[in-house]
């Protein structure tokens, strides 16, 4: 199993930017597709973005397309989520995920999860 630790969350004004990081350990990181999900209070965990093991393919939720960028550094066992032009509705706990068996956008497809990092966007 892959162990994941997110960081980089915080409080930011609408229109601002944050970069989330996810450190992976435990197994060969470069073998795994990676994903980001988010969960707002009282809501389901929603897909945000995913990246293939090599980094060649990325996929985004429509709600973040053009504003968020997922990337990875396989030499450092890291995956990142650059979030620009943040909106109030981006407020959520953001989770890193690894080891997918199924559709990227389905949270049930992912086997390993981090503990999450809180992002709060204020007006």
PDB file of N, CA and C in Angstrom:
ATOM      1  N   UNK A   1       0.836  -1.180   0.000  1.00  0.00           N
ATOM      2  CA  UNK A   1       0.000   0.000   0.000  1.00  0.00           C
ATOM      3  C   UNK A   1       0.882   1.244   0.000  1.00  0.00           C
ATOM      4  N   UNK A   2       0.363   2.296  -0.594  1.00  0.00           N
ATOM      5  CA  UNK A   2       1.084   3.559  -0.668  1.00  0.00           C
ATOM      6  C   UNK A   2       0.634   4.449   0.485  1.00  0.00           C
ATOM      7  N   UNK A   3       1.587   5.044   1.174  1.00  0.00           N
ATOM      8  CA  UNK A   3       1.269   6.019   2.221  1.00  0.00           C
ATOM      9  C   UNK A   3       1.370   7.411   1.628  1.00  0.00           C
ATOM     10  N   UNK A   4       0.380   8.243   1.955  1.00  0.00           N
ATOM     11  CA  UNK A   4       0.281   9.570   1.355  1.00  0.00           C
ATOM     12  C   UNK A   4       0.112  10.621   2.445  1.00  0.00           C
ATOM     13  N   UNK A   5       0.830  11.737   2.296  1.00  0.00           N
ATOM     14  CA  UNK A   5       0.720  12.850   3.235  1.00  0.00           C
ATOM     15  C   UNK A   5       0.580  14.139   2.452  1.00  0.00           C
ATOM     16  N   UNK A   6      -0.545  14.821   2.626  1.00  0.00           N
ATOM     17  CA  UNK A   6      -0.785  16.086   1.943  1.00  0.00           C
ATOM     18  C   UNK A   6      -0.298  17.255   2.790  1.00  0.00           C
ATOM     19  N   UNK A   7       0.011  18.342   2.107  1.00  0.00           N
ATOM     20  CA  UNK A   7       0.372  19.587   2.772  1.00  0.00           C
ATOM     21  C   UNK A   7       0.069  20.748   1.840  1.00  0.00           C
ATOM     22  N   UNK A   8       0.117  21.953   2.392  1.00  0.00           N
ATOM     23  CA  UNK A   8      -0.030  23.141   1.565  1.00  0.00           C
ATOM     24  C   UNK A   8      -1.368  23.831   1.641  1.00  0.00           C
ATOM     25  N   UNK A   9      -2.301  23.237   2.373  1.00  0.00           N
ATOM     26  CA  UNK A   9      -3.586  23.889   2.507  1.00  0.00           C
ATOM     27  C   UNK A   9      -3.496  25.142   3.368  1.00  0.00           C
ATOM     28  N   UNK A  10      -4.582  25.890   3.395  1.00  0.00           N
ATOM     29  CA  UNK A  10      -4.605  27.103   4.204  1.00  0.00           C
ATOM     30  C   UNK A  10      -5.758  28.006   3.837  1.00  0.00           C
ATOM     31  N   UNK A  11      -5.667  29.225   4.318  1.00  0.00           N
ATOM     32  CA  UNK A  11      -6.681  30.243   4.067  1.00  0.00           C
ATOM     33  C   UNK A  11      -6.184  31.187   2.982  1.00  0.00           C
ATOM     34  N   UNK A  12      -7.010  31.417   1.976  1.00  0.00           N
ATOM     35  CA  UNK A  12      -6.624  32.274   0.864  1.00  0.00           C
ATOM     36  C   UNK A  12      -7.841  33.067   0.413  1.00  0.00           C
ATOM     37  N   UNK A  13      -7.618  34.271  -0.076  1.00  0.00           N
ATOM     38  CA  UNK A  13      -8.714  35.079  -0.586  1.00  0.00           C
ATOM     39  C   UNK A  13      -9.129  34.606  -1.971  1.00  0.00           C
ATOM     40  N   UNK A  14     -10.376  34.833  -2.282  1.00  0.00           N
ATOM     41  CA  UNK A  14     -10.876  34.502  -3.613  1.00  0.00           C
ATOM     42  C   UNK A  14     -10.010  35.194  -4.667  1.00  0.00           C
ATOM     43  N   UNK A  15      -9.692  34.442  -5.706  1.00  0.00           N
ATOM     44  CA  UNK A  15      -8.815  34.939  -6.746  1.00  0.00           C
ATOM     45  C   UNK A  15      -7.354  34.604  -6.531  1.00  0.00           C
ATOM     46  N   UNK A  16      -7.042  34.135  -5.340  1.00  0.00           N
ATOM     47  CA  UNK A  16      -5.662  33.804  -5.020  1.00  0.00           C
ATOM     48  C   UNK A  16      -5.272  32.409  -5.464  1.00  0.00           C
ATOM     49  N   UNK A  17      -4.077  31.999  -5.039  1.00  0.00           N
ATOM     50  CA  UNK A  17      -3.513  30.719  -5.456  1.00  0.00           C
ATOM     51  C   UNK A  17      -2.960  29.955  -4.260  1.00  0.00           C
ATOM     52  N   UNK A  18      -2.960  28.648  -4.395  1.00  0.00           N
ATOM     53  CA  UNK A  18      -2.316  27.749  -3.437  1.00  0.00           C
ATOM     54  C   UNK A  18      -1.732  26.583  -4.220  1.00  0.00           C
ATOM     55  N   UNK A  19      -0.674  25.998  -3.676  1.00  0.00           N
ATOM     56  CA  UNK A  19      -0.153  24.761  -4.251  1.00  0.00           C
ATOM     57  C   UNK A  19      -0.174  23.683  -3.181  1.00  0.00           C
ATOM     58  N   UNK A  20      -0.907  22.640  -3.443  1.00  0.00           N
ATOM     59  CA  UNK A  20      -0.940  21.496  -2.554  1.00  0.00           C
ATOM     60  C   UNK A  20       0.128  20.490  -2.972  1.00  0.00           C
ATOM     61  N   UNK A  21       0.690  19.832  -1.976  1.00  0.00           N
ATOM     62  CA  UNK A  21       1.685  18.800  -2.222  1.00  0.00           C
ATOM     63  C   UNK A  21       1.243  17.498  -1.574  1.00  0.00           C
ATOM     64  N   UNK A  22       1.657  16.401  -2.168  1.00  0.00           N
ATOM     65  CA  UNK A  22       1.369  15.084  -1.624  1.00  0.00           C
ATOM     66  C   UNK A  22       2.635  14.254  -1.714  1.00  0.00           C
ATOM     67  N   UNK A  23       3.130  13.837  -0.555  1.00  0.00           N
ATOM     68  CA  UNK A  23       4.322  13.012  -0.494  1.00  0.00           C
ATOM     69  C   UNK A  23       3.908  11.546  -0.373  1.00  0.00           C
ATOM     70  N   UNK A  24       4.495  10.716  -1.215  1.00  0.00           N
ATOM     71  CA  UNK A  24       4.140   9.297  -1.231  1.00  0.00           C
ATOM     72  C   UNK A  24       5.324   8.447  -0.774  1.00  0.00           C
ATOM     73  N   UNK A  25       5.006   7.361  -0.113  1.00  0.00           N
ATOM     74  CA  UNK A  25       6.048   6.422   0.307  1.00  0.00           C
ATOM     75  C   UNK A  25       5.443   5.027   0.403  1.00  0.00           C
ATOM     76  N   UNK A  26       6.310   4.052   0.461  1.00  0.00           N
ATOM     77  CA  UNK A  26       5.862   2.696   0.713  1.00  0.00           C
ATOM     78  C   UNK A  26       6.025   1.754  -0.452  1.00  0.00           C
ATOM     79  N   UNK A  27       5.788   2.228  -1.665  1.00  0.00           N
ATOM     80  CA  UNK A  27       5.929   1.363  -2.835  1.00  0.00           C
ATOM     81  C   UNK A  27       6.432   2.214  -3.994  1.00  0.00           C
ATOM     82  N   UNK A  28       6.640   1.628  -5.114  1.00  0.00           N
ATOM     83  CA  UNK A  28       7.218   2.332  -6.257  1.00  0.00           C
ATOM     84  C   UNK A  28       6.237   3.365  -6.775  1.00  0.00           C
ATOM     85  N   UNK A  29       6.518   4.613  -6.452  1.00  0.00           N
ATOM     86  CA  UNK A  29       5.600   5.707  -6.759  1.00  0.00           C
ATOM     87  C   UNK A  29       5.344   5.803  -8.252  1.00  0.00           C
ATOM     88  N   UNK A  30       6.366   5.627  -9.041  1.00  0.00           N
ATOM     89  CA  UNK A  30       6.238   5.838 -10.486  1.00  0.00           C
ATOM     90  C   UNK A  30       5.355   4.801 -11.172  1.00  0.00           C
ATOM     91  N   UNK A  31       4.914   3.796 -10.441  1.00  0.00           N
ATOM     92  CA  UNK A  31       4.000   2.800 -11.010  1.00  0.00           C
ATOM     93  C   UNK A  31       2.538   3.213 -10.916  1.00  0.00           C
ATOM     94  N   UNK A  32       2.247   4.279 -10.164  1.00  0.00           N
ATOM     95  CA  UNK A  32       0.871   4.588  -9.801  1.00  0.00           C
ATOM     96  C   UNK A  32       0.337   5.856 -10.451  1.00  0.00           C
ATOM     97  N   UNK A  33      -0.863   5.739 -11.002  1.00  0.00           N
ATOM     98  CA  UNK A  33      -1.636   6.937 -11.286  1.00  0.00           C
ATOM     99  C   UNK A  33      -1.951   7.612  -9.942  1.00  0.00           C
ATOM    100  N   UNK A  34      -2.076   8.930  -9.971  1.00  0.00           N
ATOM    101  CA  UNK A  34      -2.352   9.687  -8.753  1.00  0.00           C
ATOM    102  C   UNK A  34      -3.537  10.619  -8.977  1.00  0.00           C
ATOM    103  N   UNK A  35      -4.239  10.904  -7.898  1.00  0.00           N
ATOM    104  CA  UNK A  35      -5.408  11.767  -8.039  1.00  0.00           C
ATOM    105  C   UNK A  35      -5.574  12.706  -6.861  1.00  0.00           C
ATOM    106  N   UNK A  36      -6.362  13.742  -7.101  1.00  0.00           N
ATOM    107  CA  UNK A  36      -6.802  14.660  -6.046  1.00  0.00           C
ATOM    108  C   UNK A  36      -8.328  14.665  -6.016  1.00  0.00           C
ATOM    109  N   UNK A  37      -8.841  14.611  -4.817  1.00  0.00           N
ATOM    110  CA  UNK A  37     -10.274  14.730  -4.582  1.00  0.00           C
ATOM    111  C   UNK A  37     -10.492  15.815  -3.535  1.00  0.00           C
ATOM    112  N   UNK A  38     -11.726  16.247  -3.390  1.00  0.00           N
ATOM    113  CA  UNK A  38     -12.039  17.213  -2.338  1.00  0.00           C
ATOM    114  C   UNK A  38     -13.426  16.917  -1.765  1.00  0.00           C
ATOM    115  N   UNK A  39     -13.569  17.321  -0.517  1.00  0.00           N
ATOM    116  CA  UNK A  39     -14.836  17.093   0.169  1.00  0.00           C
ATOM    117  C   UNK A  39     -15.198  18.318   0.990  1.00  0.00           C
ATOM    118  N   UNK A  40     -16.300  18.934   0.643  1.00  0.00           N
ATOM    119  CA  UNK A  40     -16.822  20.067   1.394  1.00  0.00           C
ATOM    120  C   UNK A  40     -17.740  19.541   2.495  1.00  0.00           C
ATOM    121  N   UNK A  41     -17.955  20.325   3.548  1.00  0.00           N
ATOM    122  CA  UNK A  41     -18.804  19.868   4.657  1.00  0.00           C
ATOM    123  C   UNK A  41     -20.190  19.466   4.175  1.00  0.00           C
ATOM    124  N   UNK A  42     -20.611  18.258   4.581  1.00  0.00           N
ATOM    125  CA  UNK A  42     -21.927  17.777   4.235  1.00  0.00           C
ATOM    126  C   UNK A  42     -22.077  17.265   2.822  1.00  0.00           C
ATOM    127  N   UNK A  43     -20.968  17.202   2.090  1.00  0.00           N
ATOM    128  CA  UNK A  43     -21.038  16.767   0.691  1.00  0.00           C
ATOM    129  C   UNK A  43     -20.175  15.541   0.473  1.00  0.00           C
ATOM    130  N   UNK A  44     -20.379  14.922  -0.696  1.00  0.00           N
ATOM    131  CA  UNK A  44     -19.586  13.753  -1.041  1.00  0.00           C
ATOM    132  C   UNK A  44     -18.176  14.167  -1.456  1.00  0.00           C
ATOM    133  N   UNK A  45     -17.293  13.182  -1.476  1.00  0.00           N
ATOM    134  CA  UNK A  45     -15.932  13.417  -1.939  1.00  0.00           C
ATOM    135  C   UNK A  45     -15.952  13.451  -3.462  1.00  0.00           C
ATOM    136  N   UNK A  46     -15.501  14.563  -4.012  1.00  0.00           N
ATOM    137  CA  UNK A  46     -15.576  14.780  -5.451  1.00  0.00           C
ATOM    138  C   UNK A  46     -14.204  14.732  -6.114  1.00  0.00           C
ATOM    139  N   UNK A  47     -14.188  14.228  -7.316  1.00  0.00           N
ATOM    140  CA  UNK A  47     -12.963  14.194  -8.115  1.00  0.00           C
ATOM    141  C   UNK A  47     -12.538  15.599  -8.498  1.00  0.00           C
ATOM    142  N   UNK A  48     -11.225  15.840  -8.451  1.00  0.00           N
ATOM    143  CA  UNK A  48     -10.670  17.121  -8.871  1.00  0.00           C
ATOM    144  C   UNK A  48      -9.767  16.946 -10.087  1.00  0.00           C
ATOM    145  N   UNK A  49      -8.762  16.086  -9.949  1.00  0.00           N
ATOM    146  CA  UNK A  49      -7.797  15.905 -11.027  1.00  0.00           C
ATOM    147  C   UNK A  49      -7.066  14.584 -10.847  1.00  0.00           C
ATOM    148  N   UNK A  50      -6.515  14.082 -11.938  1.00  0.00           N
ATOM    149  CA  UNK A  50      -5.705  12.867 -11.886  1.00  0.00           C
ATOM    150  C   UNK A  50      -4.599  12.942 -12.913  1.00  0.00           C
ATOM    151  N   UNK A  51      -3.554  12.167 -12.674  1.00  0.00           N
ATOM    152  CA  UNK A  51      -2.396  12.146 -13.568  1.00  0.00           C
ATOM    153  C   UNK A  51      -1.905  10.716 -13.680  1.00  0.00           C
ATOM    154  N   UNK A  52      -1.497  10.350 -14.878  1.00  0.00           N
ATOM    155  CA  UNK A  52      -1.024   9.001 -15.095  1.00  0.00           C
ATOM    156  C   UNK A  52       0.341   8.788 -14.446  1.00  0.00           C
ATOM    157  N   UNK A  53       0.751   7.530 -14.371  1.00  0.00           N
ATOM    158  CA  UNK A  53       1.998   7.177 -13.692  1.00  0.00           C
ATOM    159  C   UNK A  53       3.196   7.899 -14.299  1.00  0.00           C
ATOM    160  N   UNK A  54       3.208   8.038 -15.617  1.00  0.00           N
ATOM    161  CA  UNK A  54       4.332   8.701 -16.287  1.00  0.00           C
ATOM    162  C   UNK A  54       4.204  10.210 -16.275  1.00  0.00           C
ATOM    163  N   UNK A  55       3.000  10.708 -15.982  1.00  0.00           N
ATOM    164  CA  UNK A  55       2.750  12.137 -16.041  1.00  0.00           C
ATOM    165  C   UNK A  55       2.286  12.619 -17.402  1.00  0.00           C
ATOM    166  N   UNK A  56       2.175  11.714 -18.354  1.00  0.00           N
ATOM    167  CA  UNK A  56       1.854  12.125 -19.723  1.00  0.00           C
ATOM    168  C   UNK A  56       0.387  12.492 -19.903  1.00  0.00           C
ATOM    169  N   UNK A  57      -0.473  11.957 -19.055  1.00  0.00           N
ATOM    170  CA  UNK A  57      -1.910  12.173 -19.206  1.00  0.00           C
ATOM    171  C   UNK A  57      -2.481  12.772 -17.934  1.00  0.00           C
ATOM    172  N   UNK A  58      -3.292  13.797 -18.103  1.00  0.00           N
ATOM    173  CA  UNK A  58      -3.983  14.410 -16.986  1.00  0.00           C
ATOM    174  C   UNK A  58      -5.469  14.531 -17.305  1.00  0.00           C
ATOM    175  N   UNK A  59      -6.249  14.655 -16.254  1.00  0.00           N
ATOM    176  CA  UNK A  59      -7.701  14.734 -16.420  1.00  0.00           C
ATOM    177  C   UNK A  59      -8.245  15.582 -15.284  1.00  0.00           C
ATOM    178  N   UNK A  60      -9.198  16.467 -15.623  1.00  0.00           N
ATOM    179  CA  UNK A  60      -9.697  17.413 -14.646  1.00  0.00           C
ATOM    180  C   UNK A  60     -11.216  17.401 -14.593  1.00  0.00           C
ATOM    181  N   UNK A  61     -11.730  17.704 -13.423  1.00  0.00           N
ATOM    182  CA  UNK A  61     -13.153  17.978 -13.311  1.00  0.00           C
ATOM    183  C   UNK A  61     -13.458  19.279 -14.044  1.00  0.00           C
ATOM    184  N   UNK A  62     -14.626  19.372 -14.611  1.00  0.00           N
ATOM    185  CA  UNK A  62     -14.998  20.577 -15.352  1.00  0.00           C
ATOM    186  C   UNK A  62     -14.919  21.818 -14.465  1.00  0.00           C
ATOM    187  N   UNK A  63     -15.214  21.658 -13.191  1.00  0.00           N
ATOM    188  CA  UNK A  63     -15.272  22.799 -12.283  1.00  0.00           C
ATOM    189  C   UNK A  63     -13.914  23.439 -12.034  1.00  0.00           C
ATOM    190  N   UNK A  64     -12.833  22.714 -12.319  1.00  0.00           N
ATOM    191  CA  UNK A  64     -11.494  23.253 -12.050  1.00  0.00           C
ATOM    192  C   UNK A  64     -10.658  23.391 -13.310  1.00  0.00           C
ATOM    193  N   UNK A  65     -11.172  22.923 -14.426  1.00  0.00           N
ATOM    194  CA  UNK A  65     -10.412  22.948 -15.672  1.00  0.00           C
ATOM    195  C   UNK A  65     -10.023  24.380 -16.037  1.00  0.00           C
ATOM    196  N   UNK A  66      -8.756  24.573 -16.353  1.00  0.00           N
ATOM    197  CA  UNK A  66      -8.257  25.895 -16.696  1.00  0.00           C
ATOM    198  C   UNK A  66      -7.778  26.697 -15.497  1.00  0.00           C
ATOM    199  N   UNK A  67      -8.083  26.236 -14.295  1.00  0.00           N
ATOM    200  CA  UNK A  67      -7.646  26.926 -13.075  1.00  0.00           C
ATOM    201  C   UNK A  67      -6.659  26.092 -12.261  1.00  0.00           C
ATOM    202  N   UNK A  68      -6.841  24.787 -12.251  1.00  0.00           N
ATOM    203  CA  UNK A  68      -5.981  23.891 -11.479  1.00  0.00           C
ATOM    204  C   UNK A  68      -5.072  23.110 -12.418  1.00  0.00           C
ATOM    205  N   UNK A  69      -3.882  22.788 -11.924  1.00  0.00           N
ATOM    206  CA  UNK A  69      -2.943  21.975 -12.680  1.00  0.00           C
ATOM    207  C   UNK A  69      -2.357  20.900 -11.777  1.00  0.00           C
ATOM    208  N   UNK A  70      -2.475  19.654 -12.205  1.00  0.00           N
ATOM    209  CA  UNK A  70      -1.862  18.549 -11.473  1.00  0.00           C
ATOM    210  C   UNK A  70      -0.529  18.207 -12.130  1.00  0.00           C
ATOM    211  N   UNK A  71       0.451  17.910 -11.309  1.00  0.00           N
ATOM    212  CA  UNK A  71       1.762  17.519 -11.821  1.00  0.00           C
ATOM    213  C   UNK A  71       2.402  16.552 -10.839  1.00  0.00           C
ATOM    214  N   UNK A  72       3.495  15.951 -11.271  1.00  0.00           N
ATOM    215  CA  UNK A  72       4.182  15.008 -10.384  1.00  0.00           C
ATOM    216  C   UNK A  72       5.668  15.043 -10.664  1.00  0.00           C
ATOM    217  N   UNK A  73       6.428  14.656  -9.661  1.00  0.00           N
ATOM    218  CA  UNK A  73       7.873  14.525  -9.776  1.00  0.00           C
ATOM    219  C   UNK A  73       8.221  13.125  -9.284  1.00  0.00           C
ATOM    220  N   UNK A  74       8.436  12.209 -10.207  1.00  0.00           N
ATOM    221  CA  UNK A  74       8.687  10.817  -9.824  1.00  0.00           C
ATOM    222  C   UNK A  74      10.055  10.629  -9.177  1.00  0.00           C
ATOM    223  N   UNK A  75      10.936  11.595  -9.319  1.00  0.00           N
ATOM    224  CA  UNK A  75      12.237  11.490  -8.653  1.00  0.00           C
ATOM    225  C   UNK A  75      12.125  11.833  -7.175  1.00  0.00           C
ATOM    226  N   UNK A  76      11.060  12.557  -6.816  1.00  0.00           N
ATOM    227  CA  UNK A  76      10.868  12.974  -5.430  1.00  0.00           C
ATOM    228  C   UNK A  76       9.661  12.299  -4.775  1.00  0.00           C
ATOM    229  N   UNK A  77       8.975  11.448  -5.515  1.00  0.00           N
ATOM    230  CA  UNK A  77       7.759  10.796  -5.002  1.00  0.00           C
ATOM    231  C   UNK A  77       6.711  11.823  -4.555  1.00  0.00           C
ATOM    232  N   UNK A  78       6.512  12.827  -5.388  1.00  0.00           N
ATOM    233  CA  UNK A  78       5.608  13.915  -5.052  1.00  0.00           C
ATOM    234  C   UNK A  78       4.583  14.132  -6.164  1.00  0.00           C
ATOM    235  N   UNK A  79       3.395  14.524  -5.757  1.00  0.00           N
ATOM    236  CA  UNK A  79       2.384  14.994  -6.697  1.00  0.00           C
ATOM    237  C   UNK A  79       1.871  16.329  -6.175  1.00  0.00           C
ATOM    238  N   UNK A  80       1.545  17.225  -7.103  1.00  0.00           N
ATOM    239  CA  UNK A  80       1.176  18.589  -6.749  1.00  0.00           C
ATOM    240  C   UNK A  80      -0.158  18.958  -7.374  1.00  0.00           C
ATOM    241  N   UNK A  81      -0.795  19.916  -6.737  1.00  0.00           N
ATOM    242  CA  UNK A  81      -1.998  20.510  -7.317  1.00  0.00           C
ATOM    243  C   UNK A  81      -1.860  22.019  -7.192  1.00  0.00           C
ATOM    244  N   UNK A  82      -1.581  22.665  -8.317  1.00  0.00           N
ATOM    245  CA  UNK A  82      -1.511  24.114  -8.362  1.00  0.00           C
ATOM    246  C   UNK A  82      -2.913  24.642  -8.587  1.00  0.00           C
ATOM    247  N   UNK A  83      -3.370  25.470  -7.665  1.00  0.00           N
ATOM    248  CA  UNK A  83      -4.735  25.998  -7.729  1.00  0.00           C
ATOM    249  C   UNK A  83      -4.685  27.507  -7.884  1.00  0.00           C
ATOM    250  N   UNK A  84      -5.170  27.996  -9.005  1.00  0.00           N
ATOM    251  CA  UNK A  84      -5.208  29.424  -9.296  1.00  0.00           C
ATOM    252  C   UNK A  84      -6.650  29.907  -9.402  1.00  0.00           C
ATOM    253  N   UNK A  85      -6.814  31.209  -9.321  1.00  0.00           N
ATOM    254  CA  UNK A  85      -8.141  31.827  -9.449  1.00  0.00           C
ATOM    255  C   UNK A  85      -9.159  31.130  -8.548  1.00  0.00           C
ATOM    256  N   UNK A  86      -8.773  30.970  -7.307  1.00  0.00           N
ATOM    257  CA  UNK A  86      -9.617  30.217  -6.377  1.00  0.00           C
ATOM    258  C   UNK A  86     -10.936  30.919  -6.139  1.00  0.00           C
ATOM    259  N   UNK A  87     -11.973  30.101  -5.982  1.00  0.00           N
ATOM    260  CA  UNK A  87     -13.321  30.579  -5.753  1.00  0.00           C
ATOM    261  C   UNK A  87     -13.814  30.098  -4.386  1.00  0.00           C
ATOM    262  N   UNK A  88     -14.846  30.758  -3.889  1.00  0.00           N
ATOM    263  CA  UNK A  88     -15.402  30.354  -2.600  1.00  0.00           C
ATOM    264  C   UNK A  88     -15.791  28.877  -2.605  1.00  0.00           C
ATOM    265  N   UNK A  89     -16.304  28.419  -3.728  1.00  0.00           N
ATOM    266  CA  UNK A  89     -16.771  27.030  -3.810  1.00  0.00           C
ATOM    267  C   UNK A  89     -15.644  26.005  -3.877  1.00  0.00           C
ATOM    268  N   UNK A  90     -14.400  26.472  -3.913  1.00  0.00           N
ATOM    269  CA  UNK A  90     -13.261  25.547  -3.848  1.00  0.00           C
ATOM    270  C   UNK A  90     -12.930  25.171  -2.401  1.00  0.00           C
ATOM    271  N   UNK A  91     -13.585  25.801  -1.449  1.00  0.00           N
ATOM    272  CA  UNK A  91     -13.356  25.482  -0.045  1.00  0.00           C
ATOM    273  C   UNK A  91     -13.720  24.028   0.238  1.00  0.00           C
ATOM    274  N   UNK A  92     -12.764  23.277   0.774  1.00  0.00           N
ATOM    275  CA  UNK A  92     -12.968  21.852   1.033  1.00  0.00           C
ATOM    276  C   UNK A  92     -11.712  21.278   1.676  1.00  0.00           C
ATOM    277  N   UNK A  93     -11.833  20.049   2.129  1.00  0.00           N
ATOM    278  CA  UNK A  93     -10.651  19.261   2.476  1.00  0.00           C
ATOM    279  C   UNK A  93     -10.211  18.541   1.206  1.00  0.00           C
ATOM    280  N   UNK A  94      -8.939  18.684   0.882  1.00  0.00           N
ATOM    281  CA  UNK A  94      -8.390  18.093  -0.333  1.00  0.00           C
ATOM    282  C   UNK A  94      -7.595  16.843   0.025  1.00  0.00           C
ATOM    283  N   UNK A  95      -7.879  15.774  -0.717  1.00  0.00           N
ATOM    284  CA  UNK A  95      -7.266  14.482  -0.465  1.00  0.00           C
ATOM    285  C   UNK A  95      -6.459  14.019  -1.669  1.00  0.00           C
ATOM    286  N   UNK A  96      -5.320  13.460  -1.383  1.00  0.00           N
ATOM    287  CA  UNK A  96      -4.489  12.810  -2.385  1.00  0.00           C
ATOM    288  C   UNK A  96      -4.850  11.327  -2.411  1.00  0.00           C
ATOM    289  N   UNK A  97      -4.832  10.732  -3.598  1.00  0.00           N
ATOM    290  CA  UNK A  97      -5.192   9.327  -3.738  1.00  0.00           C
ATOM    291  C   UNK A  97      -4.222   8.639  -4.691  1.00  0.00           C
ATOM    292  N   UNK A  98      -4.047   7.328  -4.470  1.00  0.00           N
ATOM    293  CA  UNK A  98      -3.151   6.534  -5.305  1.00  0.00           C
ATOM    294  C   UNK A  98      -3.727   5.135  -5.506  1.00  0.00           C
ATOM    295  N   UNK A  99      -3.177   4.442  -6.468  1.00  0.00           N
ATOM    296  CA  UNK A  99      -3.483   3.032  -6.702  1.00  0.00           C
ATOM    297  C   UNK A  99      -4.939   2.858  -7.121  1.00  0.00           C
ATOM    298  N   UNK A 100      -5.204   3.230  -8.350  1.00  0.00           N
ATOM    299  CA  UNK A 100      -6.573   3.221  -8.859  1.00  0.00           C
ATOM    300  C   UNK A 100      -6.846   1.932  -9.630  1.00  0.00           C
ATOM    301  N   UNK A 101      -8.056   1.413  -9.462  1.00  0.00           N
ATOM    302  CA  UNK A 101      -8.528   0.247 -10.221  1.00  0.00           C
ATOM    303  C   UNK A 101      -9.934   0.572 -10.694  1.00  0.00           C
ATOM    304  N   UNK A 102     -10.022   1.255 -11.820  1.00  0.00           N
ATOM    305  CA  UNK A 102     -11.324   1.678 -12.311  1.00  0.00           C
ATOM    306  C   UNK A 102     -11.244   3.090 -12.855  1.00  0.00           C
ATOM    307  N   UNK A 103     -12.374   3.744 -12.881  1.00  0.00           N
ATOM    308  CA  UNK A 103     -12.425   5.095 -13.434  1.00  0.00           C
ATOM    309  C   UNK A 103     -11.787   6.093 -12.466  1.00  0.00           C
ATOM    310  N   UNK A 104     -10.997   6.981 -13.021  1.00  0.00           N
ATOM    311  CA  UNK A 104     -10.293   7.964 -12.198  1.00  0.00           C
ATOM    312  C   UNK A 104     -11.246   8.825 -11.389  1.00  0.00           C
ATOM    313  N   UNK A 105     -12.402   9.170 -11.951  1.00  0.00           N
ATOM    314  CA  UNK A 105     -13.272  10.128 -11.285  1.00  0.00           C
ATOM    315  C   UNK A 105     -14.126   9.516 -10.185  1.00  0.00           C
ATOM    316  N   UNK A 106     -14.044   8.202 -10.037  1.00  0.00           N
ATOM    317  CA  UNK A 106     -14.811   7.529  -8.977  1.00  0.00           C
ATOM    318  C   UNK A 106     -13.933   7.344  -7.742  1.00  0.00           C
ATOM    319  N   UNK A 107     -14.328   7.912  -6.622  1.00  0.00           N
ATOM    320  CA  UNK A 107     -13.512   7.796  -5.413  1.00  0.00           C
ATOM    321  C   UNK A 107     -13.373   6.336  -4.979  1.00  0.00           C
ATOM    322  N   UNK A 108     -14.368   5.519  -5.261  1.00  0.00           N
ATOM    323  CA  UNK A 108     -14.316   4.109  -4.863  1.00  0.00           C
ATOM    324  C   UNK A 108     -13.269   3.314  -5.635  1.00  0.00           C
ATOM    325  N   UNK A 109     -12.731   3.895  -6.716  1.00  0.00           N
ATOM    326  CA  UNK A 109     -11.707   3.205  -7.520  1.00  0.00           C
ATOM    327  C   UNK A 109     -10.328   3.282  -6.897  1.00  0.00           C
ATOM    328  N   UNK A 110     -10.139   4.190  -5.951  1.00  0.00           N
ATOM    329  CA  UNK A 110      -8.806   4.456  -5.401  1.00  0.00           C
ATOM    330  C   UNK A 110      -8.616   3.714  -4.088  1.00  0.00           C
ATOM    331  N   UNK A 111      -7.448   3.112  -3.919  1.00  0.00           N
ATOM    332  CA  UNK A 111      -7.208   2.241  -2.756  1.00  0.00           C
ATOM    333  C   UNK A 111      -6.469   2.936  -1.616  1.00  0.00           C
ATOM    334  N   UNK A 112      -5.662   3.941  -1.913  1.00  0.00           N
ATOM    335  CA  UNK A 112      -4.857   4.589  -0.883  1.00  0.00           C
ATOM    336  C   UNK A 112      -5.210   6.068  -0.816  1.00  0.00           C
ATOM    337  N   UNK A 113      -5.324   6.579   0.410  1.00  0.00           N
ATOM    338  CA  UNK A 113      -5.715   7.968   0.637  1.00  0.00           C
ATOM    339  C   UNK A 113      -4.842   8.612   1.692  1.00  0.00           C
ATOM    340  N   UNK A 114      -4.621   9.910   1.520  1.00  0.00           N
ATOM    341  CA  UNK A 114      -3.989  10.682   2.567  1.00  0.00           C
ATOM    342  C   UNK A 114      -5.019  11.142   3.585  1.00  0.00           C
ATOM    343  N   UNK A 115      -4.548  11.909   4.552  1.00  0.00           N
ATOM    344  CA  UNK A 115      -5.421  12.366   5.640  1.00  0.00           C
ATOM    345  C   UNK A 115      -6.159  13.651   5.285  1.00  0.00           C
ATOM    346  N   UNK A 116      -5.733  14.305   4.230  1.00  0.00           N
ATOM    347  CA  UNK A 116      -6.398  15.515   3.764  1.00  0.00           C
ATOM    348  C   UNK A 116      -5.749  16.786   4.265  1.00  0.00           C
ATOM    349  N   UNK A 117      -5.937  17.861   3.508  1.00  0.00           N
ATOM    350  CA  UNK A 117      -5.475  19.176   3.907  1.00  0.00           C
ATOM    351  C   UNK A 117      -6.592  20.175   3.613  1.00  0.00           C
ATOM    352  N   UNK A 118      -6.839  21.063   4.550  1.00  0.00           N
ATOM    353  CA  UNK A 118      -7.973  21.986   4.456  1.00  0.00           C
ATOM    354  C   UNK A 118      -7.614  23.192   3.609  1.00  0.00           C
ATOM    355  N   UNK A 119      -8.496  23.532   2.699  1.00  0.00           N
ATOM    356  CA  UNK A 119      -8.389  24.761   1.915  1.00  0.00           C
ATOM    357  C   UNK A 119      -9.635  25.589   2.186  1.00  0.00           C
ATOM    358  N   UNK A 120      -9.426  26.825   2.606  1.00  0.00           N
ATOM    359  CA  UNK A 120     -10.536  27.746   2.847  1.00  0.00           C
ATOM    360  C   UNK A 120     -10.333  28.982   1.987  1.00  0.00           C
ATOM    361  N   UNK A 121     -11.313  29.258   1.157  1.00  0.00           N
ATOM    362  CA  UNK A 121     -11.271  30.436   0.304  1.00  0.00           C
ATOM    363  C   UNK A 121     -12.254  31.459   0.852  1.00  0.00           C
ATOM    364  N   UNK A 122     -11.745  32.642   1.159  1.00  0.00           N
ATOM    365  CA  UNK A 122     -12.572  33.682   1.757  1.00  0.00           C
ATOM    366  C   UNK A 122     -12.846  34.801   0.764  1.00  0.00           C
ATOM    367  N   UNK A 123     -13.906  35.522   1.021  1.00  0.00           N
ATOM    368  CA  UNK A 123     -14.279  36.634   0.122  1.00  0.00           C
ATOM    369  C   UNK A 123     -13.579  37.915   0.519  1.00  0.00           C
TER     370      UNK A 123
END
